[in-house]
Amino acid sequence: MPDGDGPWCNAHAQDELPPIPFTTAALRVFDLSLSQMLWSRRTVFMALVVGGPVFIAAIVRLVLLLGLPTSIQPLARRSSGR
């Protein structure tokens, strides 16, 4: 059984590393949690749900603004023969 002096022992690891300042540690935790929240499935889904119609509307406005030909035509009323 090792007596705690080998490289696998973590007993002396704290003596070798300087302590991390509180603000640095807090900023690292904040950065990690923020990145996890931003890339969660729910956030990506909400971005697609909210951003999709906005993106489509911007494309339609750009096409109409540039005067590009479109195949969209208004529906004609059917005459009933009366």
PDB file of N, CA and C in Angstrom:
ATOM      1  N   MET A   1       0.852  -1.177   0.000  1.00  0.00           N
ATOM      2  CA  MET A   1       0.000   0.000   0.000  1.00  0.00           C
ATOM      3  C   MET A   1       0.894   1.236   0.000  1.00  0.00           C
ATOM      4  N   PRO A   2       0.647   2.208  -0.889  1.00  0.00           N
ATOM      5  CA  PRO A   2       1.465   3.425  -0.916  1.00  0.00           C
ATOM      6  C   PRO A   2       1.260   4.241   0.350  1.00  0.00           C
ATOM      7  N   ASP A   3       2.294   4.956   0.728  1.00  0.00           N
ATOM      8  CA  ASP A   3       2.222   5.731   1.965  1.00  0.00           C
ATOM      9  C   ASP A   3       1.886   7.196   1.742  1.00  0.00           C
ATOM     10  N   GLY A   4       1.512   7.595   0.510  1.00  0.00           N
ATOM     11  CA  GLY A   4       1.115   8.969   0.255  1.00  0.00           C
ATOM     12  C   GLY A   4       2.211   9.830  -0.330  1.00  0.00           C
ATOM     13  N   ASP A   5       3.338   9.242  -0.712  1.00  0.00           N
ATOM     14  CA  ASP A   5       4.420  10.034  -1.290  1.00  0.00           C
ATOM     15  C   ASP A   5       4.528   9.865  -2.797  1.00  0.00           C
ATOM     16  N   GLY A   6       3.721   9.054  -3.395  1.00  0.00           N
ATOM     17  CA  GLY A   6       3.827   8.787  -4.827  1.00  0.00           C
ATOM     18  C   GLY A   6       3.130   9.851  -5.660  1.00  0.00           C
ATOM     19  N   PRO A   7       3.306   9.781  -6.991  1.00  0.00           N
ATOM     20  CA  PRO A   7       2.681  10.781  -7.881  1.00  0.00           C
ATOM     21  C   PRO A   7       1.169  10.642  -7.935  1.00  0.00           C
ATOM     22  N   TRP A   8       0.617   9.491  -7.525  1.00  0.00           N
ATOM     23  CA  TRP A   8      -0.829   9.285  -7.546  1.00  0.00           C
ATOM     24  C   TRP A   8      -1.519   9.916  -6.349  1.00  0.00           C
ATOM     25  N   CYS A   9      -0.757  10.338  -5.395  1.00  0.00           N
ATOM     26  CA  CYS A   9      -1.328  10.922  -4.188  1.00  0.00           C
ATOM     27  C   CYS A   9      -1.527  12.421  -4.380  1.00  0.00           C
ATOM     28  N   ASN A  10      -2.633  12.945  -3.932  1.00  0.00           N
ATOM     29  CA  ASN A  10      -2.968  14.353  -4.090  1.00  0.00           C
ATOM     30  C   ASN A  10      -2.760  15.119  -2.781  1.00  0.00           C
ATOM     31  N   ALA A  11      -2.003  14.548  -1.860  1.00  0.00           N
ATOM     32  CA  ALA A  11      -1.840  15.171  -0.552  1.00  0.00           C
ATOM     33  C   ALA A  11      -1.035  16.454  -0.611  1.00  0.00           C
ATOM     34  N   HIS A  12      -0.048  16.527  -1.488  1.00  0.00           N
ATOM     35  CA  HIS A  12       0.829  17.701  -1.565  1.00  0.00           C
ATOM     36  C   HIS A  12       0.468  18.633  -2.722  1.00  0.00           C
ATOM     37  N   ALA A  13      -0.625  18.361  -3.417  1.00  0.00           N
ATOM     38  CA  ALA A  13      -0.979  19.175  -4.580  1.00  0.00           C
ATOM     39  C   ALA A  13      -1.349  20.594  -4.174  1.00  0.00           C
ATOM     40  N   GLN A  14      -1.981  20.780  -3.034  1.00  0.00           N
ATOM     41  CA  GLN A  14      -2.366  22.126  -2.625  1.00  0.00           C
ATOM     42  C   GLN A  14      -1.154  22.954  -2.215  1.00  0.00           C
ATOM     43  N   ASP A  15      -0.095  22.321  -1.770  1.00  0.00           N
ATOM     44  CA  ASP A  15       1.108  23.053  -1.405  1.00  0.00           C
ATOM     45  C   ASP A  15       1.820  23.612  -2.633  1.00  0.00           C
ATOM     46  N   GLU A  16       1.646  22.984  -3.774  1.00  0.00           N
ATOM     47  CA  GLU A  16       2.370  23.381  -4.981  1.00  0.00           C
ATOM     48  C   GLU A  16       1.627  24.451  -5.780  1.00  0.00           C
ATOM     49  N   LEU A  17       0.323  24.495  -5.706  1.00  0.00           N
ATOM     50  CA  LEU A  17      -0.467  25.432  -6.500  1.00  0.00           C
ATOM     51  C   LEU A  17      -0.867  26.641  -5.664  1.00  0.00           C
ATOM     52  N   PRO A  18      -0.728  27.847  -6.228  1.00  0.00           N
ATOM     53  CA  PRO A  18      -1.187  29.027  -5.483  1.00  0.00           C
ATOM     54  C   PRO A  18      -2.714  29.072  -5.489  1.00  0.00           C
ATOM     55  N   PRO A  19      -3.318  29.646  -4.474  1.00  0.00           N
ATOM     56  CA  PRO A  19      -4.777  29.726  -4.439  1.00  0.00           C
ATOM     57  C   PRO A  19      -5.297  30.658  -5.536  1.00  0.00           C
ATOM     58  N   ILE A  20      -6.451  30.330  -6.061  1.00  0.00           N
ATOM     59  CA  ILE A  20      -7.075  31.138  -7.110  1.00  0.00           C
ATOM     60  C   ILE A  20      -7.842  32.272  -6.442  1.00  0.00           C
ATOM     61  N   PRO A  21      -7.690  33.505  -6.938  1.00  0.00           N
ATOM     62  CA  PRO A  21      -8.456  34.626  -6.364  1.00  0.00           C
ATOM     63  C   PRO A  21      -9.965  34.405  -6.522  1.00  0.00           C
ATOM     64  N   PHE A  22     -10.707  34.946  -5.587  1.00  0.00           N
ATOM     65  CA  PHE A  22     -12.157  34.741  -5.571  1.00  0.00           C
ATOM     66  C   PHE A  22     -12.817  35.241  -6.852  1.00  0.00           C
ATOM     67  N   THR A  23     -12.440  36.439  -7.309  1.00  0.00           N
ATOM     68  CA  THR A  23     -13.088  36.994  -8.506  1.00  0.00           C
ATOM     69  C   THR A  23     -12.787  36.149  -9.734  1.00  0.00           C
ATOM     70  N   THR A  24     -11.575  35.642  -9.856  1.00  0.00           N
ATOM     71  CA  THR A  24     -11.230  34.799 -11.000  1.00  0.00           C
ATOM     72  C   THR A  24     -12.053  33.518 -10.970  1.00  0.00           C
ATOM     73  N   ALA A  25     -12.157  32.908  -9.809  1.00  0.00           N
ATOM     74  CA  ALA A  25     -12.940  31.677  -9.687  1.00  0.00           C
ATOM     75  C   ALA A  25     -14.417  31.946  -9.967  1.00  0.00           C
ATOM     76  N   ALA A  26     -14.943  33.045  -9.448  1.00  0.00           N
ATOM     77  CA  ALA A  26     -16.348  33.378  -9.668  1.00  0.00           C
ATOM     78  C   ALA A  26     -16.620  33.642 -11.149  1.00  0.00           C
ATOM     79  N   LEU A  27     -15.707  34.333 -11.819  1.00  0.00           N
ATOM     80  CA  LEU A  27     -15.883  34.602 -13.247  1.00  0.00           C
ATOM     81  C   LEU A  27     -15.808  33.318 -14.068  1.00  0.00           C
ATOM     82  N   ARG A  28     -14.964  32.388 -13.675  1.00  0.00           N
ATOM     83  CA  ARG A  28     -14.889  31.108 -14.388  1.00  0.00           C
ATOM     84  C   ARG A  28     -16.177  30.317 -14.231  1.00  0.00           C
ATOM     85  N   VAL A  29     -16.719  30.289 -13.032  1.00  0.00           N
ATOM     86  CA  VAL A  29     -17.984  29.576 -12.805  1.00  0.00           C
ATOM     87  C   VAL A  29     -19.112  30.254 -13.577  1.00  0.00           C
ATOM     88  N   PHE A  30     -19.160  31.583 -13.555  1.00  0.00           N
ATOM     89  CA  PHE A  30     -20.182  32.318 -14.297  1.00  0.00           C
ATOM     90  C   PHE A  30     -20.073  32.046 -15.789  1.00  0.00           C
ATOM     91  N   ASP A  31     -18.860  32.057 -16.328  1.00  0.00           N
ATOM     92  CA  ASP A  31     -18.646  31.810 -17.747  1.00  0.00           C
ATOM     93  C   ASP A  31     -19.095  30.406 -18.123  1.00  0.00           C
ATOM     94  N   LEU A  32     -18.757  29.439 -17.299  1.00  0.00           N
ATOM     95  CA  LEU A  32     -19.150  28.061 -17.572  1.00  0.00           C
ATOM     96  C   LEU A  32     -20.668  27.899 -17.536  1.00  0.00           C
ATOM     97  N   SER A  33     -21.314  28.455 -16.533  1.00  0.00           N
ATOM     98  CA  SER A  33     -22.767  28.300 -16.430  1.00  0.00           C
ATOM     99  C   SER A  33     -23.479  29.069 -17.537  1.00  0.00           C
ATOM    100  N   LEU A  34     -22.972  30.240 -17.903  1.00  0.00           N
ATOM    101  CA  LEU A  34     -23.588  31.012 -18.983  1.00  0.00           C
ATOM    102  C   LEU A  34     -23.451  30.281 -20.309  1.00  0.00           C
ATOM    103  N   SER A  35     -22.283  29.722 -20.573  1.00  0.00           N
ATOM    104  CA  SER A  35     -22.107  29.000 -21.840  1.00  0.00           C
ATOM    105  C   SER A  35     -22.991  27.759 -21.883  1.00  0.00           C
ATOM    106  N   GLN A  36     -23.186  27.093 -20.751  1.00  0.00           N
ATOM    107  CA  GLN A  36     -24.064  25.927 -20.717  1.00  0.00           C
ATOM    108  C   GLN A  36     -25.521  26.334 -20.946  1.00  0.00           C
ATOM    109  N   MET A  37     -25.928  27.479 -20.398  1.00  0.00           N
ATOM    110  CA  MET A  37     -27.299  27.944 -20.602  1.00  0.00           C
ATOM    111  C   MET A  37     -27.527  28.362 -22.044  1.00  0.00           C
ATOM    112  N   LEU A  38     -26.545  29.022 -22.642  1.00  0.00           N
ATOM    113  CA  LEU A  38     -26.724  29.511 -24.003  1.00  0.00           C
ATOM    114  C   LEU A  38     -26.789  28.382 -25.014  1.00  0.00           C
ATOM    115  N   TRP A  39     -26.109  27.295 -24.762  1.00  0.00           N
ATOM    116  CA  TRP A  39     -26.088  26.201 -25.723  1.00  0.00           C
ATOM    117  C   TRP A  39     -26.993  25.049 -25.318  1.00  0.00           C
ATOM    118  N   SER A  40     -27.927  25.292 -24.432  1.00  0.00           N
ATOM    119  CA  SER A  40     -28.860  24.226 -24.076  1.00  0.00           C
ATOM    120  C   SER A  40     -29.857  24.039 -25.225  1.00  0.00           C
ATOM    121  N   ARG A  41     -30.497  22.898 -25.254  1.00  0.00           N
ATOM    122  CA  ARG A  41     -31.454  22.601 -26.330  1.00  0.00           C
ATOM    123  C   ARG A  41     -32.624  23.568 -26.326  1.00  0.00           C
ATOM    124  N   ARG A  42     -33.088  23.925 -25.142  1.00  0.00           N
ATOM    125  CA  ARG A  42     -34.239  24.824 -25.039  1.00  0.00           C
ATOM    126  C   ARG A  42     -33.913  26.198 -25.613  1.00  0.00           C
ATOM    127  N   THR A  43     -32.719  26.704 -25.328  1.00  0.00           N
ATOM    128  CA  THR A  43     -32.341  28.025 -25.823  1.00  0.00           C
ATOM    129  C   THR A  43     -32.186  28.018 -27.332  1.00  0.00           C
ATOM    130  N   VAL A  44     -31.571  26.978 -27.870  1.00  0.00           N
ATOM    131  CA  VAL A  44     -31.412  26.880 -29.330  1.00  0.00           C
ATOM    132  C   VAL A  44     -32.779  26.760 -29.992  1.00  0.00           C
ATOM    133  N   PHE A  45     -33.676  25.973 -29.409  1.00  0.00           N
ATOM    134  CA  PHE A  45     -35.023  25.840 -29.964  1.00  0.00           C
ATOM    135  C   PHE A  45     -35.765  27.173 -29.945  1.00  0.00           C
ATOM    136  N   MET A  46     -35.678  27.896 -28.836  1.00  0.00           N
ATOM    137  CA  MET A  46     -36.349  29.196 -28.757  1.00  0.00           C
ATOM    138  C   MET A  46     -35.764  30.190 -29.751  1.00  0.00           C
ATOM    139  N   ALA A  47     -34.463  30.140 -29.963  1.00  0.00           N
ATOM    140  CA  ALA A  47     -33.841  31.025 -30.949  1.00  0.00           C
ATOM    141  C   ALA A  47     -34.362  30.719 -32.351  1.00  0.00           C
ATOM    142  N   LEU A  48     -34.541  29.445 -32.662  1.00  0.00           N
ATOM    143  CA  LEU A  48     -35.084  29.080 -33.969  1.00  0.00           C
ATOM    144  C   LEU A  48     -36.549  29.476 -34.092  1.00  0.00           C
ATOM    145  N   VAL A  49     -37.322  29.288 -33.029  1.00  0.00           N
ATOM    146  CA  VAL A  49     -38.746  29.627 -33.069  1.00  0.00           C
ATOM    147  C   VAL A  49     -38.941  31.135 -33.224  1.00  0.00           C
ATOM    148  N   VAL A  50     -38.152  31.910 -32.512  1.00  0.00           N
ATOM    149  CA  VAL A  50     -38.288  33.360 -32.566  1.00  0.00           C
ATOM    150  C   VAL A  50     -37.588  33.937 -33.796  1.00  0.00           C
ATOM    151  N   GLY A  51     -36.420  33.425 -34.108  1.00  0.00           N
ATOM    152  CA  GLY A  51     -35.637  33.990 -35.207  1.00  0.00           C
ATOM    153  C   GLY A  51     -36.059  33.531 -36.581  1.00  0.00           C
ATOM    154  N   GLY A  52     -36.700  32.370 -36.681  1.00  0.00           N
ATOM    155  CA  GLY A  52     -37.114  31.846 -37.984  1.00  0.00           C
ATOM    156  C   GLY A  52     -38.062  32.774 -38.735  1.00  0.00           C
ATOM    157  N   PRO A  53     -39.188  33.144 -38.137  1.00  0.00           N
ATOM    158  CA  PRO A  53     -40.101  34.056 -38.839  1.00  0.00           C
ATOM    159  C   PRO A  53     -39.488  35.421 -39.143  1.00  0.00           C
ATOM    160  N   VAL A  54     -38.636  35.901 -38.268  1.00  0.00           N
ATOM    161  CA  VAL A  54     -37.974  37.187 -38.517  1.00  0.00           C
ATOM    162  C   VAL A  54     -37.051  37.065 -39.726  1.00  0.00           C
ATOM    163  N   PHE A  55     -36.318  35.971 -39.817  1.00  0.00           N
ATOM    164  CA  PHE A  55     -35.423  35.749 -40.951  1.00  0.00           C
ATOM    165  C   PHE A  55     -36.209  35.625 -42.256  1.00  0.00           C
ATOM    166  N   ILE A  56     -37.316  34.884 -42.226  1.00  0.00           N
ATOM    167  CA  ILE A  56     -38.139  34.730 -43.430  1.00  0.00           C
ATOM    168  C   ILE A  56     -38.739  36.071 -43.856  1.00  0.00           C
ATOM    169  N   ALA A  57     -39.206  36.862 -42.897  1.00  0.00           N
ATOM    170  CA  ALA A  57     -39.770  38.180 -43.223  1.00  0.00           C
ATOM    171  C   ALA A  57     -38.706  39.103 -43.813  1.00  0.00           C
ATOM    172  N   ALA A  58     -37.485  39.032 -43.298  1.00  0.00           N
ATOM    173  CA  ALA A  58     -36.405  39.864 -43.844  1.00  0.00           C
ATOM    174  C   ALA A  58     -36.088  39.464 -45.277  1.00  0.00           C
ATOM    175  N   ILE A  59     -36.092  38.183 -45.575  1.00  0.00           N
ATOM    176  CA  ILE A  59     -35.838  37.716 -46.944  1.00  0.00           C
ATOM    177  C   ILE A  59     -36.954  38.178 -47.882  1.00  0.00           C
ATOM    178  N   VAL A  60     -38.205  38.071 -47.445  1.00  0.00           N
ATOM    179  CA  VAL A  60     -39.335  38.507 -48.284  1.00  0.00           C
ATOM    180  C   VAL A  60     -39.249  40.006 -48.546  1.00  0.00           C
ATOM    181  N   ARG A  61     -38.954  40.789 -47.505  1.00  0.00           N
ATOM    182  CA  ARG A  61     -38.820  42.247 -47.705  1.00  0.00           C
ATOM    183  C   ARG A  61     -37.682  42.586 -48.651  1.00  0.00           C
ATOM    184  N   LEU A  62     -36.582  41.867 -48.545  1.00  0.00           N
ATOM    185  CA  LEU A  62     -35.439  42.113 -49.424  1.00  0.00           C
ATOM    186  C   LEU A  62     -35.797  41.791 -50.874  1.00  0.00           C
ATOM    187  N   VAL A  63     -36.506  40.693 -51.091  1.00  0.00           N
ATOM    188  CA  VAL A  63     -36.919  40.323 -52.444  1.00  0.00           C
ATOM    189  C   VAL A  63     -37.863  41.377 -53.018  1.00  0.00           C
ATOM    190  N   LEU A  64     -38.820  41.835 -52.208  1.00  0.00           N
ATOM    191  CA  LEU A  64     -39.757  42.857 -52.694  1.00  0.00           C
ATOM    192  C   LEU A  64     -39.076  44.200 -52.904  1.00  0.00           C
ATOM    193  N   LEU A  65     -38.117  44.528 -52.036  1.00  0.00           N
ATOM    194  CA  LEU A  65     -37.405  45.796 -52.161  1.00  0.00           C
ATOM    195  C   LEU A  65     -36.549  45.831 -53.422  1.00  0.00           C
ATOM    196  N   LEU A  66     -35.927  44.730 -53.759  1.00  0.00           N
ATOM    197  CA  LEU A  66     -35.076  44.671 -54.943  1.00  0.00           C
ATOM    198  C   LEU A  66     -35.877  44.510 -56.224  1.00  0.00           C
ATOM    199  N   GLY A  67     -37.164  44.245 -56.110  1.00  0.00           N
ATOM    200  CA  GLY A  67     -38.024  44.119 -57.281  1.00  0.00           C
ATOM    201  C   GLY A  67     -37.785  42.832 -58.049  1.00  0.00           C
ATOM    202  N   LEU A  68     -37.303  41.823 -57.390  1.00  0.00           N
ATOM    203  CA  LEU A  68     -37.073  40.547 -58.060  1.00  0.00           C
ATOM    204  C   LEU A  68     -38.409  39.909 -58.414  1.00  0.00           C
ATOM    205  N   PRO A  69     -38.445  39.201 -59.533  1.00  0.00           N
ATOM    206  CA  PRO A  69     -39.716  38.565 -59.914  1.00  0.00           C
ATOM    207  C   PRO A  69     -40.095  37.466 -58.930  1.00  0.00           C
ATOM    208  N   THR A  70     -41.354  37.439 -58.601  1.00  0.00           N
ATOM    209  CA  THR A  70     -41.857  36.421 -57.678  1.00  0.00           C
ATOM    210  C   THR A  70     -42.953  35.635 -58.365  1.00  0.00           C
ATOM    211  N   SER A  71     -43.153  34.428 -57.922  1.00  0.00           N
ATOM    212  CA  SER A  71     -44.218  33.609 -58.496  1.00  0.00           C
ATOM    213  C   SER A  71     -45.472  33.667 -57.629  1.00  0.00           C
ATOM    214  N   ILE A  72     -45.465  34.525 -56.628  1.00  0.00           N
ATOM    215  CA  ILE A  72     -46.628  34.655 -55.753  1.00  0.00           C
ATOM    216  C   ILE A  72     -47.610  35.624 -56.398  1.00  0.00           C
ATOM    217  N   GLN A  73     -48.828  35.157 -56.625  1.00  0.00           N
ATOM    218  CA  GLN A  73     -49.859  35.996 -57.222  1.00  0.00           C
ATOM    219  C   GLN A  73     -51.105  35.915 -56.362  1.00  0.00           C
ATOM    220  N   PRO A  74     -51.866  36.991 -56.316  1.00  0.00           N
ATOM    221  CA  PRO A  74     -53.075  36.958 -55.499  1.00  0.00           C
ATOM    222  C   PRO A  74     -54.068  35.927 -56.029  1.00  0.00           C
ATOM    223  N   LEU A  75     -54.824  35.377 -55.106  1.00  0.00           N
ATOM    224  CA  LEU A  75     -55.833  34.403 -55.508  1.00  0.00           C
ATOM    225  C   LEU A  75     -56.981  35.110 -56.215  1.00  0.00           C
ATOM    226  N   ALA A  76     -57.371  34.577 -57.360  1.00  0.00           N
ATOM    227  CA  ALA A  76     -58.483  35.158 -58.114  1.00  0.00           C
ATOM    228  C   ALA A  76     -59.781  34.554 -57.595  1.00  0.00           C
ATOM    229  N   ARG A  77     -60.799  35.388 -57.512  1.00  0.00           N
ATOM    230  CA  ARG A  77     -62.104  34.881 -57.093  1.00  0.00           C
ATOM    231  C   ARG A  77     -62.724  34.080 -58.223  1.00  0.00           C
ATOM    232  N   ARG A  78     -63.242  32.948 -57.845  1.00  0.00           N
ATOM    233  CA  ARG A  78     -63.904  32.133 -58.844  1.00  0.00           C
ATOM    234  C   ARG A  78     -65.301  32.687 -59.105  1.00  0.00           C
ATOM    235  N   SER A  79     -65.619  32.792 -60.352  1.00  0.00           N
ATOM    236  CA  SER A  79     -66.971  33.252 -60.667  1.00  0.00           C
ATOM    237  C   SER A  79     -67.911  32.054 -60.612  1.00  0.00           C
ATOM    238  N   SER A  80     -69.025  32.275 -60.003  1.00  0.00           N
ATOM    239  CA  SER A  80     -69.985  31.187 -59.836  1.00  0.00           C
ATOM    240  C   SER A  80     -70.951  31.094 -61.035  1.00  0.00           C
ATOM    241  N   GLY A  81     -70.776  31.972 -61.993  1.00  0.00           N
ATOM    242  CA  GLY A  81     -71.631  31.909 -63.176  1.00  0.00           C
ATOM    243  C   GLY A  81     -72.923  32.664 -63.016  1.00  0.00           C
ATOM    244  N   ARG A  82     -73.097  33.405 -61.973  1.00  0.00           N
ATOM    245  CA  ARG A  82     -74.330  34.150 -61.759  1.00  0.00           C
ATOM    246  C   ARG A  82     -74.262  35.516 -62.342  1.00  0.00           C
TER     247      ARG A  82
END
